[in-house]
Amino acid sequence: MTRVEVAKLAEFPPGARKVVKVGDESVLVLNVDGQLVACANACPHARYPLDEGLVEKGEIVCLLHGFAFRLSDGAGTTDTELHLPIYTVFADGDTIVVELAN
């Protein structure tokens, strides 16, 4: 497992987002209404960065072509053939940690 401490919990309020490197992966960490979420920072359609994407109703929408993905499981909602990788993220005491299986 590759683990990276990404932020202090107190510094990551609802609405916060941050791009971090975990191993070779660019990962987007979000606080969505108090829920921590981590996903690949590239749309699986055209590899466009998602860190500026719209987040609403539990989904993230890529600004390039409008593809949307559920943040709970990465399922594509505008194209069910596409899937966004979702990663493990949790608070370890006062620190936010992202974990990827190697």
PDB file of N, CA and C in Angstrom:
ATOM      1  N   MET A   1       0.835  -1.191   0.000  1.00  0.00           N
ATOM      2  CA  MET A   1       0.000   0.000   0.000  1.00  0.00           C
ATOM      3  C   MET A   1       0.872   1.245   0.000  1.00  0.00           C
ATOM      4  N   THR A   2       0.454   2.218  -0.764  1.00  0.00           N
ATOM      5  CA  THR A   2       1.104   3.522  -0.744  1.00  0.00           C
ATOM      6  C   THR A   2       0.179   4.477  -0.022  1.00  0.00           C
ATOM      7  N   ARG A   3       0.689   5.099   1.045  1.00  0.00           N
ATOM      8  CA  ARG A   3      -0.088   6.049   1.835  1.00  0.00           C
ATOM      9  C   ARG A   3       0.581   7.412   1.801  1.00  0.00           C
ATOM     10  N   VAL A   4      -0.235   8.457   1.683  1.00  0.00           N
ATOM     11  CA  VAL A   4       0.284   9.822   1.695  1.00  0.00           C
ATOM     12  C   VAL A   4      -0.600  10.666   2.599  1.00  0.00           C
ATOM     13  N   GLU A   5       0.038  11.380   3.528  1.00  0.00           N
ATOM     14  CA  GLU A   5      -0.678  12.368   4.333  1.00  0.00           C
ATOM     15  C   GLU A   5      -0.851  13.600   3.467  1.00  0.00           C
ATOM     16  N   VAL A   6      -2.100  14.078   3.326  1.00  0.00           N
ATOM     17  CA  VAL A   6      -2.370  15.154   2.370  1.00  0.00           C
ATOM     18  C   VAL A   6      -2.708  16.495   3.006  1.00  0.00           C
ATOM     19  N   ALA A   7      -3.224  16.491   4.221  1.00  0.00           N
ATOM     20  CA  ALA A   7      -3.606  17.749   4.862  1.00  0.00           C
ATOM     21  C   ALA A   7      -3.989  17.477   6.309  1.00  0.00           C
ATOM     22  N   LYS A   8      -4.054  18.533   7.063  1.00  0.00           N
ATOM     23  CA  LYS A   8      -4.606  18.458   8.408  1.00  0.00           C
ATOM     24  C   LYS A   8      -6.116  18.594   8.289  1.00  0.00           C
ATOM     25  N   LEU A   9      -6.845  17.804   9.032  1.00  0.00           N
ATOM     26  CA  LEU A   9      -8.305  17.797   8.972  1.00  0.00           C
ATOM     27  C   LEU A   9      -8.882  19.188   9.216  1.00  0.00           C
ATOM     28  N   ALA A  10      -8.316  19.916  10.166  1.00  0.00           N
ATOM     29  CA  ALA A  10      -8.814  21.251  10.500  1.00  0.00           C
ATOM     30  C   ALA A  10      -8.627  22.241   9.348  1.00  0.00           C
ATOM     31  N   GLU A  11      -7.698  21.966   8.436  1.00  0.00           N
ATOM     32  CA  GLU A  11      -7.416  22.852   7.310  1.00  0.00           C
ATOM     33  C   GLU A  11      -8.157  22.434   6.034  1.00  0.00           C
ATOM     34  N   PHE A  12      -9.089  21.510   6.161  1.00  0.00           N
ATOM     35  CA  PHE A  12      -9.771  20.954   4.995  1.00  0.00           C
ATOM     36  C   PHE A  12     -11.284  21.001   5.217  1.00  0.00           C
ATOM     37  N   PRO A  13     -11.872  22.204   5.217  1.00  0.00           N
ATOM     38  CA  PRO A  13     -13.305  22.344   5.478  1.00  0.00           C
ATOM     39  C   PRO A  13     -14.161  21.855   4.306  1.00  0.00           C
ATOM     40  N   PRO A  14     -15.471  21.708   4.509  1.00  0.00           N
ATOM     41  CA  PRO A  14     -16.344  21.356   3.387  1.00  0.00           C
ATOM     42  C   PRO A  14     -16.114  22.289   2.200  1.00  0.00           C
ATOM     43  N   GLY A  15     -16.017  21.694   1.017  1.00  0.00           N
ATOM     44  CA  GLY A  15     -15.759  22.433  -0.212  1.00  0.00           C
ATOM     45  C   GLY A  15     -14.291  22.461  -0.606  1.00  0.00           C
ATOM     46  N   ALA A  16     -13.413  22.088   0.326  1.00  0.00           N
ATOM     47  CA  ALA A  16     -11.982  22.099   0.029  1.00  0.00           C
ATOM     48  C   ALA A  16     -11.647  20.997  -0.969  1.00  0.00           C
ATOM     49  N   ARG A  17     -10.619  21.248  -1.768  1.00  0.00           N
ATOM     50  CA  ARG A  17     -10.106  20.246  -2.706  1.00  0.00           C
ATOM     51  C   ARG A  17      -8.617  20.460  -2.880  1.00  0.00           C
ATOM     52  N   LYS A  18      -7.920  19.363  -3.126  1.00  0.00           N
ATOM     53  CA  LYS A  18      -6.465  19.433  -3.256  1.00  0.00           C
ATOM     54  C   LYS A  18      -6.003  18.289  -4.152  1.00  0.00           C
ATOM     55  N   VAL A  19      -5.057  18.577  -5.048  1.00  0.00           N
ATOM     56  CA  VAL A  19      -4.455  17.553  -5.894  1.00  0.00           C
ATOM     57  C   VAL A  19      -3.144  17.131  -5.240  1.00  0.00           C
ATOM     58  N   VAL A  20      -2.953  15.815  -5.104  1.00  0.00           N
ATOM     59  CA  VAL A  20      -1.732  15.269  -4.493  1.00  0.00           C
ATOM     60  C   VAL A  20      -1.208  14.138  -5.365  1.00  0.00           C
ATOM     61  N   LYS A  21       0.081  13.859  -5.229  1.00  0.00           N
ATOM     62  CA  LYS A  21       0.680  12.697  -5.882  1.00  0.00           C
ATOM     63  C   LYS A  21       0.716  11.561  -4.876  1.00  0.00           C
ATOM     64  N   VAL A  22       0.198  10.416  -5.258  1.00  0.00           N
ATOM     65  CA  VAL A  22       0.268   9.205  -4.435  1.00  0.00           C
ATOM     66  C   VAL A  22       0.922   8.158  -5.329  1.00  0.00           C
ATOM     67  N   GLY A  23       2.180   7.852  -5.057  1.00  0.00           N
ATOM     68  CA  GLY A  23       2.934   6.999  -5.975  1.00  0.00           C
ATOM     69  C   GLY A  23       3.038   7.718  -7.302  1.00  0.00           C
ATOM     70  N   ASP A  24       2.598   7.061  -8.376  1.00  0.00           N
ATOM     71  CA  ASP A  24       2.617   7.663  -9.711  1.00  0.00           C
ATOM     72  C   ASP A  24       1.297   8.323 -10.081  1.00  0.00           C
ATOM     73  N   GLU A  25       0.328   8.283  -9.167  1.00  0.00           N
ATOM     74  CA  GLU A  25      -1.017   8.771  -9.471  1.00  0.00           C
ATOM     75  C   GLU A  25      -1.232  10.211  -9.029  1.00  0.00           C
ATOM     76  N   SER A  26      -1.942  10.976  -9.862  1.00  0.00           N
ATOM     77  CA  SER A  26      -2.424  12.302  -9.481  1.00  0.00           C
ATOM     78  C   SER A  26      -3.829  12.094  -8.922  1.00  0.00           C
ATOM     79  N   VAL A  27      -3.999  12.449  -7.650  1.00  0.00           N
ATOM     80  CA  VAL A  27      -5.252  12.169  -6.935  1.00  0.00           C
ATOM     81  C   VAL A  27      -5.887  13.476  -6.491  1.00  0.00           C
ATOM     82  N   LEU A  28      -7.189  13.583  -6.703  1.00  0.00           N
ATOM     83  CA  LEU A  28      -7.965  14.725  -6.244  1.00  0.00           C
ATOM     84  C   LEU A  28      -8.652  14.339  -4.941  1.00  0.00           C
ATOM     85  N   VAL A  29      -8.376  15.104  -3.883  1.00  0.00           N
ATOM     86  CA  VAL A  29      -9.006  14.882  -2.588  1.00  0.00           C
ATOM     87  C   VAL A  29     -10.019  16.000  -2.377  1.00  0.00           C
ATOM     88  N   LEU A  30     -11.234  15.614  -1.991  1.00  0.00           N
ATOM     89  CA  LEU A  30     -12.322  16.572  -1.814  1.00  0.00           C
ATOM     90  C   LEU A  30     -12.972  16.383  -0.454  1.00  0.00           C
ATOM     91  N   ASN A  31     -13.486  17.489   0.086  1.00  0.00           N
ATOM     92  CA  ASN A  31     -14.376  17.420   1.240  1.00  0.00           C
ATOM     93  C   ASN A  31     -15.737  17.841   0.723  1.00  0.00           C
ATOM     94  N   VAL A  32     -16.622  16.865   0.536  1.00  0.00           N
ATOM     95  CA  VAL A  32     -17.949  17.121  -0.007  1.00  0.00           C
ATOM     96  C   VAL A  32     -18.946  17.054   1.150  1.00  0.00           C
ATOM     97  N   ASP A  33     -19.355  18.220   1.605  1.00  0.00           N
ATOM     98  CA  ASP A  33     -20.309  18.316   2.712  1.00  0.00           C
ATOM     99  C   ASP A  33     -19.863  17.524   3.932  1.00  0.00           C
ATOM    100  N   GLY A  34     -18.576  17.584   4.248  1.00  0.00           N
ATOM    101  CA  GLY A  34     -18.042  16.892   5.414  1.00  0.00           C
ATOM    102  C   GLY A  34     -17.584  15.476   5.156  1.00  0.00           C
ATOM    103  N   GLN A  35     -17.785  14.961   3.961  1.00  0.00           N
ATOM    104  CA  GLN A  35     -17.381  13.611   3.579  1.00  0.00           C
ATOM    105  C   GLN A  35     -16.094  13.690   2.757  1.00  0.00           C
ATOM    106  N   LEU A  36     -15.048  12.994   3.197  1.00  0.00           N
ATOM    107  CA  LEU A  36     -13.797  12.967   2.442  1.00  0.00           C
ATOM    108  C   LEU A  36     -13.914  11.993   1.277  1.00  0.00           C
ATOM    109  N   VAL A  37     -13.443  12.416   0.109  1.00  0.00           N
ATOM    110  CA  VAL A  37     -13.480  11.608  -1.106  1.00  0.00           C
ATOM    111  C   VAL A  37     -12.144  11.784  -1.822  1.00  0.00           C
ATOM    112  N   ALA A  38     -11.639  10.703  -2.426  1.00  0.00           N
ATOM    113  CA  ALA A  38     -10.429  10.784  -3.245  1.00  0.00           C
ATOM    114  C   ALA A  38     -10.678  10.037  -4.545  1.00  0.00           C
ATOM    115  N   CYS A  39     -10.310  10.671  -5.661  1.00  0.00           N
ATOM    116  CA  CYS A  39     -10.503  10.059  -6.975  1.00  0.00           C
ATOM    117  C   CYS A  39      -9.328  10.427  -7.868  1.00  0.00           C
ATOM    118  N   ALA A  40      -9.230   9.734  -8.989  1.00  0.00           N
ATOM    119  CA  ALA A  40      -8.218  10.086  -9.987  1.00  0.00           C
ATOM    120  C   ALA A  40      -8.475  11.519 -10.434  1.00  0.00           C
ATOM    121  N   ASN A  41      -7.410  12.263 -10.666  1.00  0.00           N
ATOM    122  CA  ASN A  41      -7.568  13.642 -11.113  1.00  0.00           C
ATOM    123  C   ASN A  41      -7.511  13.739 -12.634  1.00  0.00           C
ATOM    124  N   ALA A  42      -8.067  12.757 -13.305  1.00  0.00           N
ATOM    125  CA  ALA A  42      -8.127  12.776 -14.765  1.00  0.00           C
ATOM    126  C   ALA A  42      -9.405  12.076 -15.207  1.00  0.00           C
ATOM    127  N   CYS A  43     -10.167  12.751 -16.028  1.00  0.00           N
ATOM    128  CA  CYS A  43     -11.382  12.146 -16.573  1.00  0.00           C
ATOM    129  C   CYS A  43     -10.982  10.935 -17.431  1.00  0.00           C
ATOM    130  N   PRO A  44     -11.631   9.798 -17.234  1.00  0.00           N
ATOM    131  CA  PRO A  44     -11.272   8.623 -18.024  1.00  0.00           C
ATOM    132  C   PRO A  44     -11.626   8.750 -19.506  1.00  0.00           C
ATOM    133  N   HIS A  45     -12.379   9.769 -19.887  1.00  0.00           N
ATOM    134  CA  HIS A  45     -12.728   9.964 -21.285  1.00  0.00           C
ATOM    135  C   HIS A  45     -11.556  10.541 -22.074  1.00  0.00           C
ATOM    136  N   ALA A  46     -11.030  11.706 -21.634  1.00  0.00           N
ATOM    137  CA  ALA A  46      -9.972  12.368 -22.396  1.00  0.00           C
ATOM    138  C   ALA A  46      -8.803  12.796 -21.513  1.00  0.00           C
ATOM    139  N   ARG A  47      -8.737  12.233 -20.298  1.00  0.00           N
ATOM    140  CA  ARG A  47      -7.643  12.497 -19.349  1.00  0.00           C
ATOM    141  C   ARG A  47      -7.567  13.960 -18.922  1.00  0.00           C
ATOM    142  N   TYR A  48      -8.654  14.714 -19.068  1.00  0.00           N
ATOM    143  CA  TYR A  48      -8.684  16.115 -18.656  1.00  0.00           C
ATOM    144  C   TYR A  48      -8.716  16.199 -17.132  1.00  0.00           C
ATOM    145  N   PRO A  49      -7.972  17.118 -16.516  1.00  0.00           N
ATOM    146  CA  PRO A  49      -7.950  17.227 -15.057  1.00  0.00           C
ATOM    147  C   PRO A  49      -9.339  17.532 -14.484  1.00  0.00           C
ATOM    148  N   LEU A  50      -9.651  16.893 -13.371  1.00  0.00           N
ATOM    149  CA  LEU A  50     -10.955  17.076 -12.734  1.00  0.00           C
ATOM    150  C   LEU A  50     -10.932  18.060 -11.576  1.00  0.00           C
ATOM    151  N   ASP A  51      -9.757  18.596 -11.215  1.00  0.00           N
ATOM    152  CA  ASP A  51      -9.685  19.443 -10.023  1.00  0.00           C
ATOM    153  C   ASP A  51     -10.493  20.733 -10.131  1.00  0.00           C
ATOM    154  N   GLU A  52     -10.871  21.141 -11.321  1.00  0.00           N
ATOM    155  CA  GLU A  52     -11.732  22.315 -11.501  1.00  0.00           C
ATOM    156  C   GLU A  52     -13.179  21.899 -11.787  1.00  0.00           C
ATOM    157  N   GLY A  53     -13.445  20.583 -11.792  1.00  0.00           N
ATOM    158  CA  GLY A  53     -14.774  20.087 -12.143  1.00  0.00           C
ATOM    159  C   GLY A  53     -15.856  20.515 -11.169  1.00  0.00           C
ATOM    160  N   LEU A  54     -17.074  20.521 -11.656  1.00  0.00           N
ATOM    161  CA  LEU A  54     -18.226  20.855 -10.827  1.00  0.00           C
ATOM    162  C   LEU A  54     -18.567  19.659  -9.943  1.00  0.00           C
ATOM    163  N   VAL A  55     -18.837  19.920  -8.674  1.00  0.00           N
ATOM    164  CA  VAL A  55     -19.250  18.877  -7.746  1.00  0.00           C
ATOM    165  C   VAL A  55     -20.650  19.232  -7.259  1.00  0.00           C
ATOM    166  N   GLU A  56     -21.593  18.342  -7.568  1.00  0.00           N
ATOM    167  CA  GLU A  56     -22.963  18.559  -7.115  1.00  0.00           C
ATOM    168  C   GLU A  56     -23.704  17.233  -7.089  1.00  0.00           C
ATOM    169  N   LYS A  57     -24.584  17.106  -6.121  1.00  0.00           N
ATOM    170  CA  LYS A  57     -25.427  15.914  -5.964  1.00  0.00           C
ATOM    171  C   LYS A  57     -24.606  14.630  -5.969  1.00  0.00           C
ATOM    172  N   GLY A  58     -23.431  14.662  -5.316  1.00  0.00           N
ATOM    173  CA  GLY A  58     -22.626  13.461  -5.192  1.00  0.00           C
ATOM    174  C   GLY A  58     -21.874  13.059  -6.440  1.00  0.00           C
ATOM    175  N   GLU A  59     -21.793  13.965  -7.411  1.00  0.00           N
ATOM    176  CA  GLU A  59     -21.091  13.674  -8.660  1.00  0.00           C
ATOM    177  C   GLU A  59     -20.053  14.755  -8.945  1.00  0.00           C
ATOM    178  N   ILE A  60     -19.049  14.385  -9.738  1.00  0.00           N
ATOM    179  CA  ILE A  60     -18.107  15.359 -10.269  1.00  0.00           C
ATOM    180  C   ILE A  60     -18.264  15.364 -11.786  1.00  0.00           C
ATOM    181  N   VAL A  61     -18.267  16.566 -12.356  1.00  0.00           N
ATOM    182  CA  VAL A  61     -18.486  16.728 -13.791  1.00  0.00           C
ATOM    183  C   VAL A  61     -17.231  17.328 -14.418  1.00  0.00           C
ATOM    184  N   CYS A  62     -16.709  16.652 -15.441  1.00  0.00           N
ATOM    185  CA  CYS A  62     -15.545  17.131 -16.171  1.00  0.00           C
ATOM    186  C   CYS A  62     -15.939  18.354 -17.002  1.00  0.00           C
ATOM    187  N   LEU A  63     -15.131  19.401 -16.911  1.00  0.00           N
ATOM    188  CA  LEU A  63     -15.443  20.636 -17.625  1.00  0.00           C
ATOM    189  C   LEU A  63     -15.172  20.563 -19.124  1.00  0.00           C
ATOM    190  N   LEU A  64     -14.402  19.582 -19.579  1.00  0.00           N
ATOM    191  CA  LEU A  64     -14.069  19.512 -20.998  1.00  0.00           C
ATOM    192  C   LEU A  64     -15.254  19.062 -21.850  1.00  0.00           C
ATOM    193  N   HIS A  65     -15.853  17.925 -21.516  1.00  0.00           N
ATOM    194  CA  HIS A  65     -16.955  17.394 -22.318  1.00  0.00           C
ATOM    195  C   HIS A  65     -18.224  17.110 -21.519  1.00  0.00           C
ATOM    196  N   GLY A  66     -18.209  17.376 -20.209  1.00  0.00           N
ATOM    197  CA  GLY A  66     -19.410  17.217 -19.403  1.00  0.00           C
ATOM    198  C   GLY A  66     -19.672  15.817 -18.886  1.00  0.00           C
ATOM    199  N   PHE A  67     -18.702  14.927 -18.975  1.00  0.00           N
ATOM    200  CA  PHE A  67     -18.903  13.588 -18.423  1.00  0.00           C
ATOM    201  C   PHE A  67     -18.985  13.677 -16.902  1.00  0.00           C
ATOM    202  N   ALA A  68     -19.928  12.930 -16.313  1.00  0.00           N
ATOM    203  CA  ALA A  68     -20.164  12.973 -14.868  1.00  0.00           C
ATOM    204  C   ALA A  68     -19.936  11.599 -14.253  1.00  0.00           C
ATOM    205  N   PHE A  69     -19.449  11.610 -13.006  1.00  0.00           N
ATOM    206  CA  PHE A  69     -19.125  10.378 -12.285  1.00  0.00           C
ATOM    207  C   PHE A  69     -19.586  10.486 -10.839  1.00  0.00           C
ATOM    208  N   ARG A  70     -20.172   9.394 -10.329  1.00  0.00           N
ATOM    209  CA  ARG A  70     -20.545   9.350  -8.913  1.00  0.00           C
ATOM    210  C   ARG A  70     -19.284   9.289  -8.074  1.00  0.00           C
ATOM    211  N   LEU A  71     -19.196  10.122  -7.065  1.00  0.00           N
ATOM    212  CA  LEU A  71     -18.035  10.125  -6.190  1.00  0.00           C
ATOM    213  C   LEU A  71     -18.054   8.968  -5.202  1.00  0.00           C
ATOM    214  N   SER A  72     -19.185   8.325  -5.030  1.00  0.00           N
ATOM    215  CA  SER A  72     -19.272   7.191  -4.105  1.00  0.00           C
ATOM    216  C   SER A  72     -18.592   5.948  -4.654  1.00  0.00           C
ATOM    217  N   ASP A  73     -18.698   5.721  -5.973  1.00  0.00           N
ATOM    218  CA  ASP A  73     -18.155   4.489  -6.547  1.00  0.00           C
ATOM    219  C   ASP A  73     -17.478   4.673  -7.906  1.00  0.00           C
ATOM    220  N   GLY A  74     -17.450   5.899  -8.431  1.00  0.00           N
ATOM    221  CA  GLY A  74     -16.774   6.187  -9.687  1.00  0.00           C
ATOM    222  C   GLY A  74     -17.568   5.857 -10.942  1.00  0.00           C
ATOM    223  N   ALA A  75     -18.782   5.358 -10.778  1.00  0.00           N
ATOM    224  CA  ALA A  75     -19.588   4.989 -11.945  1.00  0.00           C
ATOM    225  C   ALA A  75     -19.911   6.210 -12.795  1.00  0.00           C
ATOM    226  N   GLY A  76     -19.776   6.036 -14.112  1.00  0.00           N
ATOM    227  CA  GLY A  76     -20.152   7.105 -15.036  1.00  0.00           C
ATOM    228  C   GLY A  76     -21.657   7.235 -15.085  1.00  0.00           C
ATOM    229  N   THR A  77     -22.155   8.458 -14.991  1.00  0.00           N
ATOM    230  CA  THR A  77     -23.604   8.654 -15.044  1.00  0.00           C
ATOM    231  C   THR A  77     -24.056   9.213 -16.384  1.00  0.00           C
ATOM    232  N   THR A  78     -23.126   9.768 -17.164  1.00  0.00           N
ATOM    233  CA  THR A  78     -23.478  10.227 -18.511  1.00  0.00           C
ATOM    234  C   THR A  78     -23.034   9.217 -19.563  1.00  0.00           C
ATOM    235  N   ASP A  79     -22.096   8.362 -19.203  1.00  0.00           N
ATOM    236  CA  ASP A  79     -21.629   7.274 -20.069  1.00  0.00           C
ATOM    237  C   ASP A  79     -21.261   6.115 -19.151  1.00  0.00           C
ATOM    238  N   THR A  80     -22.107   5.100 -19.127  1.00  0.00           N
ATOM    239  CA  THR A  80     -21.911   3.997 -18.186  1.00  0.00           C
ATOM    240  C   THR A  80     -20.719   3.119 -18.530  1.00  0.00           C
ATOM    241  N   GLU A  81     -20.100   3.320 -19.693  1.00  0.00           N
ATOM    242  CA  GLU A  81     -18.895   2.572 -20.048  1.00  0.00           C
ATOM    243  C   GLU A  81     -17.654   3.127 -19.344  1.00  0.00           C
ATOM    244  N   LEU A  82     -17.735   4.366 -18.904  1.00  0.00           N
ATOM    245  CA  LEU A  82     -16.595   5.014 -18.254  1.00  0.00           C
ATOM    246  C   LEU A  82     -16.674   4.826 -16.742  1.00  0.00           C
ATOM    247  N   HIS A  83     -15.498   4.715 -16.111  1.00  0.00           N
ATOM    248  CA  HIS A  83     -15.424   4.549 -14.659  1.00  0.00           C
ATOM    249  C   HIS A  83     -14.252   5.361 -14.128  1.00  0.00           C
ATOM    250  N   LEU A  84     -14.514   6.179 -13.117  1.00  0.00           N
ATOM    251  CA  LEU A  84     -13.491   7.002 -12.481  1.00  0.00           C
ATOM    252  C   LEU A  84     -12.913   6.255 -11.287  1.00  0.00           C
ATOM    253  N   PRO A  85     -11.598   6.044 -11.236  1.00  0.00           N
ATOM    254  CA  PRO A  85     -11.017   5.381 -10.067  1.00  0.00           C
ATOM    255  C   PRO A  85     -11.252   6.193  -8.787  1.00  0.00           C
ATOM    256  N   ILE A  86     -11.729   5.498  -7.760  1.00  0.00           N
ATOM    257  CA  ILE A  86     -11.961   6.083  -6.438  1.00  0.00           C
ATOM    258  C   ILE A  86     -10.968   5.436  -5.487  1.00  0.00           C
ATOM    259  N   TYR A  87     -10.355   6.243  -4.614  1.00  0.00           N
ATOM    260  CA  TYR A  87      -9.321   5.751  -3.712  1.00  0.00           C
ATOM    261  C   TYR A  87      -9.758   5.864  -2.256  1.00  0.00           C
ATOM    262  N   THR A  88      -9.114   5.089  -1.418  1.00  0.00           N
ATOM    263  CA  THR A  88      -9.380   5.123   0.012  1.00  0.00           C
ATOM    264  C   THR A  88      -8.825   6.416   0.596  1.00  0.00           C
ATOM    265  N   VAL A  89      -9.649   7.114   1.371  1.00  0.00           N
ATOM    266  CA  VAL A  89      -9.226   8.323   2.067  1.00  0.00           C
ATOM    267  C   VAL A  89      -9.857   8.299   3.450  1.00  0.00           C
ATOM    268  N   PHE A  90      -9.085   8.708   4.453  1.00  0.00           N
ATOM    269  CA  PHE A  90      -9.614   8.669   5.823  1.00  0.00           C
ATOM    270  C   PHE A  90      -8.846   9.648   6.699  1.00  0.00           C
ATOM    271  N   ALA A  91      -9.430   9.952   7.840  1.00  0.00           N
ATOM    272  CA  ALA A  91      -8.753  10.775   8.839  1.00  0.00           C
ATOM    273  C   ALA A  91      -8.048   9.845   9.806  1.00  0.00           C
ATOM    274  N   ASP A  92      -6.770  10.096  10.008  1.00  0.00           N
ATOM    275  CA  ASP A  92      -5.964   9.367  10.982  1.00  0.00           C
ATOM    276  C   ASP A  92      -5.602  10.392  12.055  1.00  0.00           C
ATOM    277  N   GLY A  93      -6.400  10.421  13.105  1.00  0.00           N
ATOM    278  CA  GLY A  93      -6.260  11.491  14.089  1.00  0.00           C
ATOM    279  C   GLY A  93      -6.671  12.798  13.449  1.00  0.00           C
ATOM    280  N   ASP A  94      -5.743  13.760  13.388  1.00  0.00           N
ATOM    281  CA  ASP A  94      -6.062  15.062  12.789  1.00  0.00           C
ATOM    282  C   ASP A  94      -5.488  15.203  11.380  1.00  0.00           C
ATOM    283  N   THR A  95      -5.059  14.095  10.768  1.00  0.00           N
ATOM    284  CA  THR A  95      -4.427  14.106   9.451  1.00  0.00           C
ATOM    285  C   THR A  95      -5.270  13.335   8.437  1.00  0.00           C
ATOM    286  N   ILE A  96      -5.386  13.880   7.231  1.00  0.00           N
ATOM    287  CA  ILE A  96      -6.085  13.185   6.140  1.00  0.00           C
ATOM    288  C   ILE A  96      -5.062  12.360   5.382  1.00  0.00           C
ATOM    289  N   VAL A  97      -5.401  11.082   5.157  1.00  0.00           N
ATOM    290  CA  VAL A  97      -4.506  10.136   4.488  1.00  0.00           C
ATOM    291  C   VAL A  97      -5.208   9.531   3.284  1.00  0.00           C
ATOM    292  N   VAL A  98      -4.484   9.451   2.148  1.00  0.00           N
ATOM    293  CA  VAL A  98      -4.966   8.749   0.955  1.00  0.00           C
ATOM    294  C   VAL A  98      -4.142   7.486   0.820  1.00  0.00           C
ATOM    295  N   GLU A  99      -4.826   6.394   0.451  1.00  0.00           N
ATOM    296  CA  GLU A  99      -4.166   5.092   0.360  1.00  0.00           C
ATOM    297  C   GLU A  99      -4.501   4.462  -0.987  1.00  0.00           C
ATOM    298  N   LEU A 100      -3.463   3.968  -1.673  1.00  0.00           N
ATOM    299  CA  LEU A 100      -3.634   3.250  -2.939  1.00  0.00           C
ATOM    300  C   LEU A 100      -3.038   1.864  -2.792  1.00  0.00           C
ATOM    301  N   ALA A 101      -3.720   0.879  -3.340  1.00  0.00           N
ATOM    302  CA  ALA A 101      -3.171  -0.467  -3.402  1.00  0.00           C
ATOM    303  C   ALA A 101      -2.089  -0.484  -4.481  1.00  0.00           C
ATOM    304  N   ASN A 102      -1.001  -1.131  -4.224  1.00  0.00           N
ATOM    305  CA  ASN A 102       0.094  -1.207  -5.202  1.00  0.00           C
ATOM    306  C   ASN A 102      -0.073  -2.391  -6.120  1.00  0.00           C
TER     307      ASN A 102
END
